[in-house]
Amino acid sequence: PGDMPSRITLTASGGAFFGRTRGEMENVTLAEALKHPNWSMGAK
């Protein structure tokens, strides 16, 4: 308390398609998008 940060960093898992190019993601399916590697979350 009283020592406020100058910056913050939000981390992101990268989701289901981390490592793919935009072209490789063009034709992915909903089922593939819903396969999150780490977290249990709702579909949206």
PDB file of all heavy atoms in Angstrom:
ATOM      1  N   PRO A   1       0.827  -1.219   0.000  1.00  0.00           N
ATOM      2  CA  PRO A   1       0.000   0.000   0.000  1.00  0.00           C
ATOM      3  C   PRO A   1       0.855   1.259   0.000  1.00  0.00           C
ATOM      4  O   PRO A   1       1.867   1.347   0.690  1.00  0.00           O
ATOM      5  CB  PRO A   1      -0.801  -0.136   1.308  1.00  0.00           C
ATOM      6  CG  PRO A   1      -0.002  -1.071   2.154  1.00  0.00           C
ATOM      7  CD  PRO A   1       0.655  -2.020   1.215  1.00  0.00           C
ATOM      8  N   GLY A   2       0.460   2.202  -0.818  1.00  0.00           N
ATOM      9  CA  GLY A   2       1.193   3.457  -0.902  1.00  0.00           C
ATOM     10  C   GLY A   2       2.361   3.425  -1.866  1.00  0.00           C
ATOM     11  O   GLY A   2       2.978   4.451  -2.148  1.00  0.00           O
ATOM     12  N   ASP A   3       2.683   2.237  -2.379  1.00  0.00           N
ATOM     13  CA  ASP A   3       3.808   2.088  -3.304  1.00  0.00           C
ATOM     14  C   ASP A   3       3.252   1.631  -4.645  1.00  0.00           C
ATOM     15  O   ASP A   3       3.359   0.474  -5.016  1.00  0.00           O
ATOM     16  CB  ASP A   3       4.803   1.062  -2.742  1.00  0.00           C
ATOM     17  CG  ASP A   3       6.149   1.106  -3.464  1.00  0.00           C
ATOM     18  OD1 ASP A   3       6.328   1.980  -4.326  1.00  0.00           O
ATOM     19  OD2 ASP A   3       6.999   0.254  -3.165  1.00  0.00           O
ATOM     20  N   MET A   4       2.627   2.551  -5.363  1.00  0.00           N
ATOM     21  CA  MET A   4       1.917   2.198  -6.587  1.00  0.00           C
ATOM     22  C   MET A   4       2.889   1.888  -7.722  1.00  0.00           C
ATOM     23  O   MET A   4       3.954   2.498  -7.832  1.00  0.00           O
ATOM     24  CB  MET A   4       0.981   3.331  -7.005  1.00  0.00           C
ATOM     25  CG  MET A   4      -0.208   3.498  -6.070  1.00  0.00           C
ATOM     26  SD  MET A   4      -1.235   2.012  -5.987  1.00  0.00           S
ATOM     27  CE  MET A   4      -1.932   1.999  -7.645  1.00  0.00           C
ATOM     28  N   PRO A   5       2.543   0.921  -8.555  1.00  0.00           N
ATOM     29  CA  PRO A   5       3.433   0.549  -9.655  1.00  0.00           C
ATOM     30  C   PRO A   5       3.501   1.624 -10.729  1.00  0.00           C
ATOM     31  O   PRO A   5       2.540   2.380 -10.939  1.00  0.00           O
ATOM     32  CB  PRO A   5       2.802  -0.728 -10.207  1.00  0.00           C
ATOM     33  CG  PRO A   5       1.352  -0.617  -9.863  1.00  0.00           C
ATOM     34  CD  PRO A   5       1.317   0.105  -8.538  1.00  0.00           C
ATOM     35  N   SER A   6       4.646   1.674 -11.412  1.00  0.00           N
ATOM     36  CA  SER A   6       4.776   2.588 -12.544  1.00  0.00           C
ATOM     37  C   SER A   6       4.260   1.946 -13.829  1.00  0.00           C
ATOM     38  O   SER A   6       3.833   2.633 -14.748  1.00  0.00           O
ATOM     39  CB  SER A   6       6.233   3.002 -12.729  1.00  0.00           C
ATOM     40  OG  SER A   6       7.050   1.874 -12.971  1.00  0.00           O
ATOM     41  N   ARG A   7       4.309   0.610 -13.871  1.00  0.00           N
ATOM     42  CA  ARG A   7       3.821  -0.149 -15.021  1.00  0.00           C
ATOM     43  C   ARG A   7       3.240  -1.466 -14.507  1.00  0.00           C
ATOM     44  O   ARG A   7       3.569  -1.918 -13.409  1.00  0.00           O
ATOM     45  CB  ARG A   7       4.935  -0.473 -16.024  1.00  0.00           C
ATOM     46  CG  ARG A   7       5.690   0.711 -16.565  1.00  0.00           C
ATOM     47  CD  ARG A   7       6.654   0.272 -17.663  1.00  0.00           C
ATOM     48  NE  ARG A   7       5.956  -0.216 -18.837  1.00  0.00           N
ATOM     49  CZ  ARG A   7       5.443   0.579 -19.783  1.00  0.00           C
ATOM     50  NH1 ARG A   7       5.547   1.905 -19.674  1.00  0.00           N
ATOM     51  NH2 ARG A   7       4.819   0.067 -20.823  1.00  0.00           N
ATOM     52  N   ILE A   8       2.388  -2.070 -15.327  1.00  0.00           N
ATOM     53  CA  ILE A   8       1.948  -3.426 -15.048  1.00  0.00           C
ATOM     54  C   ILE A   8       2.081  -4.266 -16.312  1.00  0.00           C
ATOM     55  O   ILE A   8       2.098  -3.726 -17.431  1.00  0.00           O
ATOM     56  CB  ILE A   8       0.501  -3.474 -14.528  1.00  0.00           C
ATOM     57  CG1 ILE A   8      -0.490  -2.967 -15.593  1.00  0.00           C
ATOM     58  CG2 ILE A   8       0.357  -2.700 -13.238  1.00  0.00           C
ATOM     59  CD1 ILE A   8      -1.953  -3.090 -15.147  1.00  0.00           C
ATOM     60  N   THR A   9       2.210  -5.556 -16.124  1.00  0.00           N
ATOM     61  CA  THR A   9       2.278  -6.485 -17.250  1.00  0.00           C
ATOM     62  C   THR A   9       1.192  -7.533 -17.091  1.00  0.00           C
ATOM     63  O   THR A   9       1.131  -8.233 -16.069  1.00  0.00           O
ATOM     64  CB  THR A   9       3.639  -7.199 -17.320  1.00  0.00           C
ATOM     65  OG1 THR A   9       4.673  -6.226 -17.525  1.00  0.00           O
ATOM     66  CG2 THR A   9       3.671  -8.203 -18.467  1.00  0.00           C
ATOM     67  N   LEU A  10       0.303  -7.609 -18.079  1.00  0.00           N
ATOM     68  CA  LEU A  10      -0.703  -8.660 -18.129  1.00  0.00           C
ATOM     69  C   LEU A  10      -0.132  -9.834 -18.907  1.00  0.00           C
ATOM     70  O   LEU A  10       0.408  -9.650 -19.997  1.00  0.00           O
ATOM     71  CB  LEU A  10      -1.968  -8.171 -18.831  1.00  0.00           C
ATOM     72  CG  LEU A  10      -2.690  -6.955 -18.250  1.00  0.00           C
ATOM     73  CD1 LEU A  10      -3.848  -6.551 -19.160  1.00  0.00           C
ATOM     74  CD2 LEU A  10      -3.192  -7.235 -16.847  1.00  0.00           C
ATOM     75  N   THR A  11      -0.245 -11.023 -18.357  1.00  0.00           N
ATOM     76  CA  THR A  11       0.194 -12.201 -19.093  1.00  0.00           C
ATOM     77  C   THR A  11      -0.983 -12.835 -19.816  1.00  0.00           C
ATOM     78  O   THR A  11      -2.135 -12.716 -19.390  1.00  0.00           O
ATOM     79  CB  THR A  11       0.850 -13.235 -18.158  1.00  0.00           C
ATOM     80  OG1 THR A  11      -0.066 -13.552 -17.104  1.00  0.00           O
ATOM     81  CG2 THR A  11       2.138 -12.688 -17.577  1.00  0.00           C
ATOM     82  N   ALA A  12      -0.676 -13.501 -20.909  1.00  0.00           N
ATOM     83  CA  ALA A  12      -1.692 -14.183 -21.711  1.00  0.00           C
ATOM     84  C   ALA A  12      -1.169 -15.558 -22.090  1.00  0.00           C
ATOM     85  O   ALA A  12       0.004 -15.703 -22.443  1.00  0.00           O
ATOM     86  CB  ALA A  12      -1.995 -13.377 -22.982  1.00  0.00           C
ATOM     87  N   SER A  13      -2.024 -16.550 -22.034  1.00  0.00           N
ATOM     88  CA  SER A  13      -1.586 -17.908 -22.396  1.00  0.00           C
ATOM     89  C   SER A  13      -1.272 -18.025 -23.882  1.00  0.00           C
ATOM     90  O   SER A  13      -0.474 -18.864 -24.295  1.00  0.00           O
ATOM     91  CB  SER A  13      -2.679 -18.912 -22.043  1.00  0.00           C
ATOM     92  OG  SER A  13      -3.810 -18.715 -22.875  1.00  0.00           O
ATOM     93  N   GLY A  14      -1.915 -17.193 -24.681  1.00  0.00           N
ATOM     94  CA  GLY A  14      -1.810 -17.338 -26.132  1.00  0.00           C
ATOM     95  C   GLY A  14      -2.983 -18.093 -26.716  1.00  0.00           C
ATOM     96  O   GLY A  14      -3.161 -18.138 -27.937  1.00  0.00           O
ATOM     97  N   GLY A  15      -3.791 -18.706 -25.860  1.00  0.00           N
ATOM     98  CA  GLY A  15      -5.001 -19.391 -26.326  1.00  0.00           C
ATOM     99  C   GLY A  15      -4.712 -20.646 -27.114  1.00  0.00           C
ATOM    100  O   GLY A  15      -3.606 -21.201 -27.107  1.00  0.00           O
ATOM    101  N   ALA A  16      -5.733 -21.086 -27.818  1.00  0.00           N
ATOM    102  CA  ALA A  16      -5.668 -22.382 -28.506  1.00  0.00           C
ATOM    103  C   ALA A  16      -4.705 -22.400 -29.695  1.00  0.00           C
ATOM    104  O   ALA A  16      -4.248 -23.475 -30.102  1.00  0.00           O
ATOM    105  CB  ALA A  16      -7.070 -22.766 -28.984  1.00  0.00           C
ATOM    106  N   PHE A  17      -4.372 -21.227 -30.248  1.00  0.00           N
ATOM    107  CA  PHE A  17      -3.628 -21.210 -31.508  1.00  0.00           C
ATOM    108  C   PHE A  17      -2.261 -20.564 -31.401  1.00  0.00           C
ATOM    109  O   PHE A  17      -1.663 -20.183 -32.420  1.00  0.00           O
ATOM    110  CB  PHE A  17      -4.459 -20.488 -32.584  1.00  0.00           C
ATOM    111  CG  PHE A  17      -5.834 -21.067 -32.769  1.00  0.00           C
ATOM    112  CD1 PHE A  17      -6.953 -20.246 -32.742  1.00  0.00           C
ATOM    113  CD2 PHE A  17      -6.011 -22.432 -32.938  1.00  0.00           C
ATOM    114  CE1 PHE A  17      -8.220 -20.770 -32.893  1.00  0.00           C
ATOM    115  CE2 PHE A  17      -7.278 -22.972 -33.088  1.00  0.00           C
ATOM    116  CZ  PHE A  17      -8.383 -22.138 -33.069  1.00  0.00           C
ATOM    117  N   PHE A  18      -1.726 -20.443 -30.193  1.00  0.00           N
ATOM    118  CA  PHE A  18      -0.418 -19.817 -30.059  1.00  0.00           C
ATOM    119  C   PHE A  18       0.623 -20.575 -30.873  1.00  0.00           C
ATOM    120  O   PHE A  18       0.696 -21.806 -30.848  1.00  0.00           O
ATOM    121  CB  PHE A  18       0.020 -19.786 -28.594  1.00  0.00           C
ATOM    122  CG  PHE A  18       1.402 -19.230 -28.402  1.00  0.00           C
ATOM    123  CD1 PHE A  18       1.663 -17.903 -28.701  1.00  0.00           C
ATOM    124  CD2 PHE A  18       2.438 -20.036 -27.971  1.00  0.00           C
ATOM    125  CE1 PHE A  18       2.933 -17.384 -28.552  1.00  0.00           C
ATOM    126  CE2 PHE A  18       3.717 -19.526 -27.809  1.00  0.00           C
ATOM    127  CZ  PHE A  18       3.964 -18.196 -28.100  1.00  0.00           C
ATOM    128  N   GLY A  19       1.421 -19.818 -31.627  1.00  0.00           N
ATOM    129  CA  GLY A  19       2.444 -20.413 -32.469  1.00  0.00           C
ATOM    130  C   GLY A  19       2.034 -20.532 -33.923  1.00  0.00           C
ATOM    131  O   GLY A  19       2.884 -20.768 -34.783  1.00  0.00           O
ATOM    132  N   ARG A  20       0.754 -20.373 -34.215  1.00  0.00           N
ATOM    133  CA  ARG A  20       0.298 -20.435 -35.604  1.00  0.00           C
ATOM    134  C   ARG A  20       0.365 -19.046 -36.242  1.00  0.00           C
ATOM    135  O   ARG A  20       0.256 -18.020 -35.564  1.00  0.00           O
ATOM    136  CB  ARG A  20      -1.138 -20.950 -35.686  1.00  0.00           C
ATOM    137  CG  ARG A  20      -1.340 -22.349 -35.121  1.00  0.00           C
ATOM    138  CD  ARG A  20      -2.658 -22.908 -35.590  1.00  0.00           C
ATOM    139  NE  ARG A  20      -3.071 -24.070 -34.813  1.00  0.00           N
ATOM    140  CZ  ARG A  20      -4.132 -24.813 -35.089  1.00  0.00           C
ATOM    141  NH1 ARG A  20      -4.899 -24.508 -36.135  1.00  0.00           N
ATOM    142  NH2 ARG A  20      -4.448 -25.849 -34.332  1.00  0.00           N
ATOM    143  N   THR A  21       0.521 -19.018 -37.543  1.00  0.00           N
ATOM    144  CA  THR A  21       0.464 -17.758 -38.275  1.00  0.00           C
ATOM    145  C   THR A  21      -0.998 -17.374 -38.498  1.00  0.00           C
ATOM    146  O   THR A  21      -1.915 -18.186 -38.316  1.00  0.00           O
ATOM    147  CB  THR A  21       1.150 -17.883 -39.643  1.00  0.00           C
ATOM    148  OG1 THR A  21       0.388 -18.807 -40.453  1.00  0.00           O
ATOM    149  CG2 THR A  21       2.579 -18.394 -39.493  1.00  0.00           C
ATOM    150  N   ARG A  22      -1.203 -16.139 -38.899  1.00  0.00           N
ATOM    151  CA  ARG A  22      -2.574 -15.697 -39.169  1.00  0.00           C
ATOM    152  C   ARG A  22      -3.180 -16.527 -40.305  1.00  0.00           C
ATOM    153  O   ARG A  22      -4.362 -16.881 -40.262  1.00  0.00           O
ATOM    154  CB  ARG A  22      -2.588 -14.213 -39.517  1.00  0.00           C
ATOM    155  CG  ARG A  22      -3.994 -13.625 -39.652  1.00  0.00           C
ATOM    156  CD  ARG A  22      -3.962 -12.122 -39.544  1.00  0.00           C
ATOM    157  NE  ARG A  22      -5.258 -11.524 -39.796  1.00  0.00           N
ATOM    158  CZ  ARG A  22      -6.247 -11.465 -38.906  1.00  0.00           C
ATOM    159  NH1 ARG A  22      -6.073 -11.973 -37.704  1.00  0.00           N
ATOM    160  NH2 ARG A  22      -7.406 -10.891 -39.207  1.00  0.00           N
ATOM    161  N   GLY A  23      -2.376 -16.844 -41.304  1.00  0.00           N
ATOM    162  CA  GLY A  23      -2.868 -17.676 -42.398  1.00  0.00           C
ATOM    163  C   GLY A  23      -3.286 -19.055 -41.929  1.00  0.00           C
ATOM    164  O   GLY A  23      -4.281 -19.615 -42.397  1.00  0.00           O
ATOM    165  N   GLU A  24      -2.527 -19.609 -40.993  1.00  0.00           N
ATOM    166  CA  GLU A  24      -2.852 -20.943 -40.476  1.00  0.00           C
ATOM    167  C   GLU A  24      -4.111 -20.935 -39.613  1.00  0.00           C
ATOM    168  O   GLU A  24      -4.737 -21.975 -39.412  1.00  0.00           O
ATOM    169  CB  GLU A  24      -1.677 -21.486 -39.669  1.00  0.00           C
ATOM    170  CG  GLU A  24      -0.469 -21.846 -40.515  1.00  0.00           C
ATOM    171  CD  GLU A  24       0.775 -22.140 -39.686  1.00  0.00           C
ATOM    172  OE1 GLU A  24       0.848 -21.678 -38.526  1.00  0.00           O
ATOM    173  OE2 GLU A  24       1.681 -22.822 -40.214  1.00  0.00           O
ATOM    174  N   MET A  25      -4.481 -19.757 -39.104  1.00  0.00           N
ATOM    175  CA  MET A  25      -5.693 -19.664 -38.279  1.00  0.00           C
ATOM    176  C   MET A  25      -6.945 -19.389 -39.103  1.00  0.00           C
ATOM    177  O   MET A  25      -8.058 -19.428 -38.574  1.00  0.00           O
ATOM    178  CB  MET A  25      -5.531 -18.561 -37.224  1.00  0.00           C
ATOM    179  CG  MET A  25      -4.552 -18.901 -36.116  1.00  0.00           C
ATOM    180  SD  MET A  25      -4.595 -17.708 -34.755  1.00  0.00           S
ATOM    181  CE  MET A  25      -3.756 -16.302 -35.499  1.00  0.00           C
ATOM    182  N   GLU A  26      -6.773 -19.129 -40.383  1.00  0.00           N
ATOM    183  CA  GLU A  26      -7.898 -18.664 -41.186  1.00  0.00           C
ATOM    184  C   GLU A  26      -9.057 -19.650 -41.219  1.00  0.00           C
ATOM    185  O   GLU A  26     -10.221 -19.260 -41.173  1.00  0.00           O
ATOM    186  CB  GLU A  26      -7.421 -18.367 -42.613  1.00  0.00           C
ATOM    187  CG  GLU A  26      -8.433 -17.604 -43.431  1.00  0.00           C
ATOM    188  CD  GLU A  26      -7.802 -16.971 -44.659  1.00  0.00           C
ATOM    189  OE1 GLU A  26      -6.929 -16.098 -44.500  1.00  0.00           O
ATOM    190  OE2 GLU A  26      -8.187 -17.379 -45.760  1.00  0.00           O
ATOM    191  N   ASN A  27      -8.768 -20.926 -41.272  1.00  0.00           N
ATOM    192  CA  ASN A  27      -9.827 -21.928 -41.438  1.00  0.00           C
ATOM    193  C   ASN A  27     -10.015 -22.824 -40.219  1.00  0.00           C
ATOM    194  O   ASN A  27     -10.539 -23.932 -40.332  1.00  0.00           O
ATOM    195  CB  ASN A  27      -9.543 -22.783 -42.682  1.00  0.00           C
ATOM    196  CG  ASN A  27      -9.613 -21.968 -43.959  1.00  0.00           C
ATOM    197  OD1 ASN A  27     -10.573 -21.228 -44.192  1.00  0.00           O
ATOM    198  ND2 ASN A  27      -8.584 -22.075 -44.788  1.00  0.00           N
ATOM    199  N   VAL A  28      -9.604 -22.345 -39.048  1.00  0.00           N
ATOM    200  CA  VAL A  28      -9.796 -23.154 -37.847  1.00  0.00           C
ATOM    201  C   VAL A  28     -11.285 -23.229 -37.509  1.00  0.00           C
ATOM    202  O   VAL A  28     -12.077 -22.379 -37.909  1.00  0.00           O
ATOM    203  CB  VAL A  28      -9.011 -22.581 -36.644  1.00  0.00           C
ATOM    204  CG1 VAL A  28      -7.523 -22.603 -36.915  1.00  0.00           C
ATOM    205  CG2 VAL A  28      -9.484 -21.170 -36.292  1.00  0.00           C
ATOM    206  N   THR A  29     -11.665 -24.255 -36.755  1.00  0.00           N
ATOM    207  CA  THR A  29     -13.057 -24.484 -36.411  1.00  0.00           C
ATOM    208  C   THR A  29     -13.359 -23.987 -34.996  1.00  0.00           C
ATOM    209  O   THR A  29     -12.455 -23.738 -34.195  1.00  0.00           O
ATOM    210  CB  THR A  29     -13.396 -25.977 -36.476  1.00  0.00           C
ATOM    211  OG1 THR A  29     -12.654 -26.661 -35.452  1.00  0.00           O
ATOM    212  CG2 THR A  29     -13.042 -26.549 -37.846  1.00  0.00           C
ATOM    213  N   LEU A  30     -14.642 -23.897 -34.697  1.00  0.00           N
ATOM    214  CA  LEU A  30     -15.064 -23.522 -33.353  1.00  0.00           C
ATOM    215  C   LEU A  30     -14.559 -24.545 -32.339  1.00  0.00           C
ATOM    216  O   LEU A  30     -14.088 -24.174 -31.258  1.00  0.00           O
ATOM    217  CB  LEU A  30     -16.588 -23.415 -33.291  1.00  0.00           C
ATOM    218  CG  LEU A  30     -17.190 -23.139 -31.907  1.00  0.00           C
ATOM    219  CD1 LEU A  30     -16.720 -21.797 -31.368  1.00  0.00           C
ATOM    220  CD2 LEU A  30     -18.714 -23.193 -31.963  1.00  0.00           C
ATOM    221  N   ALA A  31     -14.650 -25.810 -32.681  1.00  0.00           N
ATOM    222  CA  ALA A  31     -14.191 -26.852 -31.752  1.00  0.00           C
ATOM    223  C   ALA A  31     -12.715 -26.681 -31.427  1.00  0.00           C
ATOM    224  O   ALA A  31     -12.298 -26.860 -30.274  1.00  0.00           O
ATOM    225  CB  ALA A  31     -14.447 -28.237 -32.356  1.00  0.00           C
ATOM    226  N   GLU A  32     -11.918 -26.308 -32.420  1.00  0.00           N
ATOM    227  CA  GLU A  32     -10.495 -26.076 -32.171  1.00  0.00           C
ATOM    228  C   GLU A  32     -10.282 -24.858 -31.283  1.00  0.00           C
ATOM    229  O   GLU A  32      -9.434 -24.861 -30.389  1.00  0.00           O
ATOM    230  CB  GLU A  32      -9.757 -25.884 -33.504  1.00  0.00           C
ATOM    231  CG  GLU A  32      -9.648 -27.136 -34.347  1.00  0.00           C
ATOM    232  CD  GLU A  32      -9.003 -26.852 -35.689  1.00  0.00           C
ATOM    233  OE1 GLU A  32      -9.577 -26.058 -36.462  1.00  0.00           O
ATOM    234  OE2 GLU A  32      -7.926 -27.414 -35.958  1.00  0.00           O
ATOM    235  N   ALA A  33     -11.058 -23.794 -31.525  1.00  0.00           N
ATOM    236  CA  ALA A  33     -10.910 -22.569 -30.739  1.00  0.00           C
ATOM    237  C   ALA A  33     -11.276 -22.786 -29.278  1.00  0.00           C
ATOM    238  O   ALA A  33     -10.788 -22.075 -28.397  1.00  0.00           O
ATOM    239  CB  ALA A  33     -11.776 -21.458 -31.338  1.00  0.00           C
ATOM    240  N   LEU A  34     -12.127 -23.756 -29.009  1.00  0.00           N
ATOM    241  CA  LEU A  34     -12.584 -24.014 -27.647  1.00  0.00           C
ATOM    242  C   LEU A  34     -11.640 -24.916 -26.860  1.00  0.00           C
ATOM    243  O   LEU A  34     -11.878 -25.178 -25.681  1.00  0.00           O
ATOM    244  CB  LEU A  34     -13.986 -24.645 -27.677  1.00  0.00           C
ATOM    245  CG  LEU A  34     -15.121 -23.709 -28.115  1.00  0.00           C
ATOM    246  CD1 LEU A  34     -16.415 -24.476 -28.277  1.00  0.00           C
ATOM    247  CD2 LEU A  34     -15.296 -22.562 -27.124  1.00  0.00           C
ATOM    248  N   LYS A  35     -10.565 -25.361 -27.472  1.00  0.00           N
ATOM    249  CA  LYS A  35      -9.610 -26.239 -26.775  1.00  0.00           C
ATOM    250  C   LYS A  35      -8.506 -25.406 -26.140  1.00  0.00           C
ATOM    251  O   LYS A  35      -7.368 -25.351 -26.612  1.00  0.00           O
ATOM    252  CB  LYS A  35      -9.010 -27.250 -27.760  1.00  0.00           C
ATOM    253  CG  LYS A  35     -10.007 -28.291 -28.249  1.00  0.00           C
ATOM    254  CD  LYS A  35      -9.358 -29.256 -29.237  1.00  0.00           C
ATOM    255  CE  LYS A  35     -10.361 -30.292 -29.721  1.00  0.00           C
ATOM    256  NZ  LYS A  35      -9.766 -31.200 -30.747  1.00  0.00           N
ATOM    257  N   HIS A  36      -8.849 -24.737 -25.040  1.00  0.00           N
ATOM    258  CA  HIS A  36      -7.845 -23.924 -24.351  1.00  0.00           C
ATOM    259  C   HIS A  36      -6.849 -24.826 -23.654  1.00  0.00           C
ATOM    260  O   HIS A  36      -7.231 -25.822 -23.023  1.00  0.00           O
ATOM    261  CB  HIS A  36      -8.505 -22.992 -23.334  1.00  0.00           C
ATOM    262  CG  HIS A  36      -7.610 -21.877 -22.910  1.00  0.00           C
ATOM    263  ND1 HIS A  36      -6.557 -22.073 -22.038  1.00  0.00           N
ATOM    264  CD2 HIS A  36      -7.581 -20.568 -23.249  1.00  0.00           C
ATOM    265  CE1 HIS A  36      -5.933 -20.924 -21.858  1.00  0.00           C
ATOM    266  NE2 HIS A  36      -6.528 -19.992 -22.583  1.00  0.00           N
ATOM    267  N   PRO A  37      -5.554 -24.522 -23.772  1.00  0.00           N
ATOM    268  CA  PRO A  37      -4.544 -25.432 -23.216  1.00  0.00           C
ATOM    269  C   PRO A  37      -4.453 -25.442 -21.694  1.00  0.00           C
ATOM    270  O   PRO A  37      -3.947 -26.409 -21.120  1.00  0.00           O
ATOM    271  CB  PRO A  37      -3.241 -24.899 -23.822  1.00  0.00           C
ATOM    272  CG  PRO A  37      -3.509 -23.448 -24.101  1.00  0.00           C
ATOM    273  CD  PRO A  37      -4.952 -23.391 -24.498  1.00  0.00           C
ATOM    274  N   ASN A  38      -4.916 -24.394 -21.017  1.00  0.00           N
ATOM    275  CA  ASN A  38      -4.672 -24.289 -19.572  1.00  0.00           C
ATOM    276  C   ASN A  38      -5.904 -24.056 -18.714  1.00  0.00           C
ATOM    277  O   ASN A  38      -6.006 -24.609 -17.627  1.00  0.00           O
ATOM    278  CB  ASN A  38      -3.685 -23.137 -19.288  1.00  0.00           C
ATOM    279  CG  ASN A  38      -2.352 -23.325 -19.974  1.00  0.00           C
ATOM    280  OD1 ASN A  38      -1.925 -24.449 -20.210  1.00  0.00           O
ATOM    281  ND2 ASN A  38      -1.698 -22.224 -20.322  1.00  0.00           N
ATOM    282  N   TRP A  39      -6.816 -23.208 -19.190  1.00  0.00           N
ATOM    283  CA  TRP A  39      -7.894 -22.714 -18.332  1.00  0.00           C
ATOM    284  C   TRP A  39      -9.228 -23.365 -18.662  1.00  0.00           C
ATOM    285  O   TRP A  39      -9.504 -23.691 -19.819  1.00  0.00           O
ATOM    286  CB  TRP A  39      -8.049 -21.200 -18.475  1.00  0.00           C
ATOM    287  CG  TRP A  39      -6.901 -20.404 -17.960  1.00  0.00           C
ATOM    288  CD1 TRP A  39      -5.876 -19.891 -18.690  1.00  0.00           C
ATOM    289  CD2 TRP A  39      -6.643 -20.034 -16.599  1.00  0.00           C
ATOM    290  NE1 TRP A  39      -5.003 -19.206 -17.874  1.00  0.00           N
ATOM    291  CE2 TRP A  39      -5.449 -19.293 -16.582  1.00  0.00           C
ATOM    292  CE3 TRP A  39      -7.312 -20.255 -15.396  1.00  0.00           C
ATOM    293  CZ2 TRP A  39      -4.912 -18.758 -15.415  1.00  0.00           C
ATOM    294  CZ3 TRP A  39      -6.784 -19.725 -14.228  1.00  0.00           C
ATOM    295  CH2 TRP A  39      -5.592 -18.992 -14.248  1.00  0.00           C
ATOM    296  N   SER A  40     -10.079 -23.515 -17.637  1.00  0.00           N
ATOM    297  CA  SER A  40     -11.456 -23.954 -17.811  1.00  0.00           C
ATOM    298  C   SER A  40     -12.345 -22.718 -17.764  1.00  0.00           C
ATOM    299  O   SER A  40     -12.549 -22.129 -16.697  1.00  0.00           O
ATOM    300  CB  SER A  40     -11.847 -24.938 -16.704  1.00  0.00           C
ATOM    301  OG  SER A  40     -13.227 -25.246 -16.780  1.00  0.00           O
ATOM    302  N   MET A  41     -12.875 -22.308 -18.926  1.00  0.00           N
ATOM    303  CA  MET A  41     -13.653 -21.071 -19.017  1.00  0.00           C
ATOM    304  C   MET A  41     -14.874 -21.314 -19.884  1.00  0.00           C
ATOM    305  O   MET A  41     -14.994 -22.344 -20.551  1.00  0.00           O
ATOM    306  CB  MET A  41     -12.800 -19.945 -19.620  1.00  0.00           C
ATOM    307  CG  MET A  41     -11.494 -19.688 -18.893  1.00  0.00           C
ATOM    308  SD  MET A  41     -10.525 -18.346 -19.632  1.00  0.00           S
ATOM    309  CE  MET A  41     -10.048 -19.077 -21.209  1.00  0.00           C
ATOM    310  N   GLY A  42     -15.788 -20.368 -19.892  1.00  0.00           N
ATOM    311  CA  GLY A  42     -16.948 -20.457 -20.758  1.00  0.00           C
ATOM    312  C   GLY A  42     -16.565 -20.313 -22.217  1.00  0.00           C
ATOM    313  O   GLY A  42     -15.453 -19.886 -22.563  1.00  0.00           O
ATOM    314  N   ALA A  43     -17.517 -20.654 -23.103  1.00  0.00           N
ATOM    315  CA  ALA A  43     -17.229 -20.682 -24.541  1.00  0.00           C
ATOM    316  C   ALA A  43     -16.820 -19.315 -25.077  1.00  0.00           C
ATOM    317  O   ALA A  43     -15.843 -19.203 -25.842  1.00  0.00           O
ATOM    318  CB  ALA A  43     -18.444 -21.202 -25.298  1.00  0.00           C
ATOM    319  N   LYS A  44     -17.546 -18.256 -24.701  1.00  0.00           N
ATOM    320  CA  LYS A  44     -17.237 -16.929 -25.239  1.00  0.00           C
ATOM    321  C   LYS A  44     -15.819 -16.506 -24.872  1.00  0.00           C
ATOM    322  O   LYS A  44     -15.047 -16.061 -25.727  1.00  0.00           O
ATOM    323  CB  LYS A  44     -18.230 -15.881 -24.722  1.00  0.00           C
ATOM    324  CG  LYS A  44     -17.894 -14.463 -25.190  1.00  0.00           C
ATOM    325  CD  LYS A  44     -18.737 -13.418 -24.517  1.00  0.00           C
ATOM    326  CE  LYS A  44     -18.399 -12.013 -25.019  1.00  0.00           C
ATOM    327  NZ  LYS A  44     -16.995 -11.625 -24.750  1.00  0.00           N
TER     328      LYS A  44
END
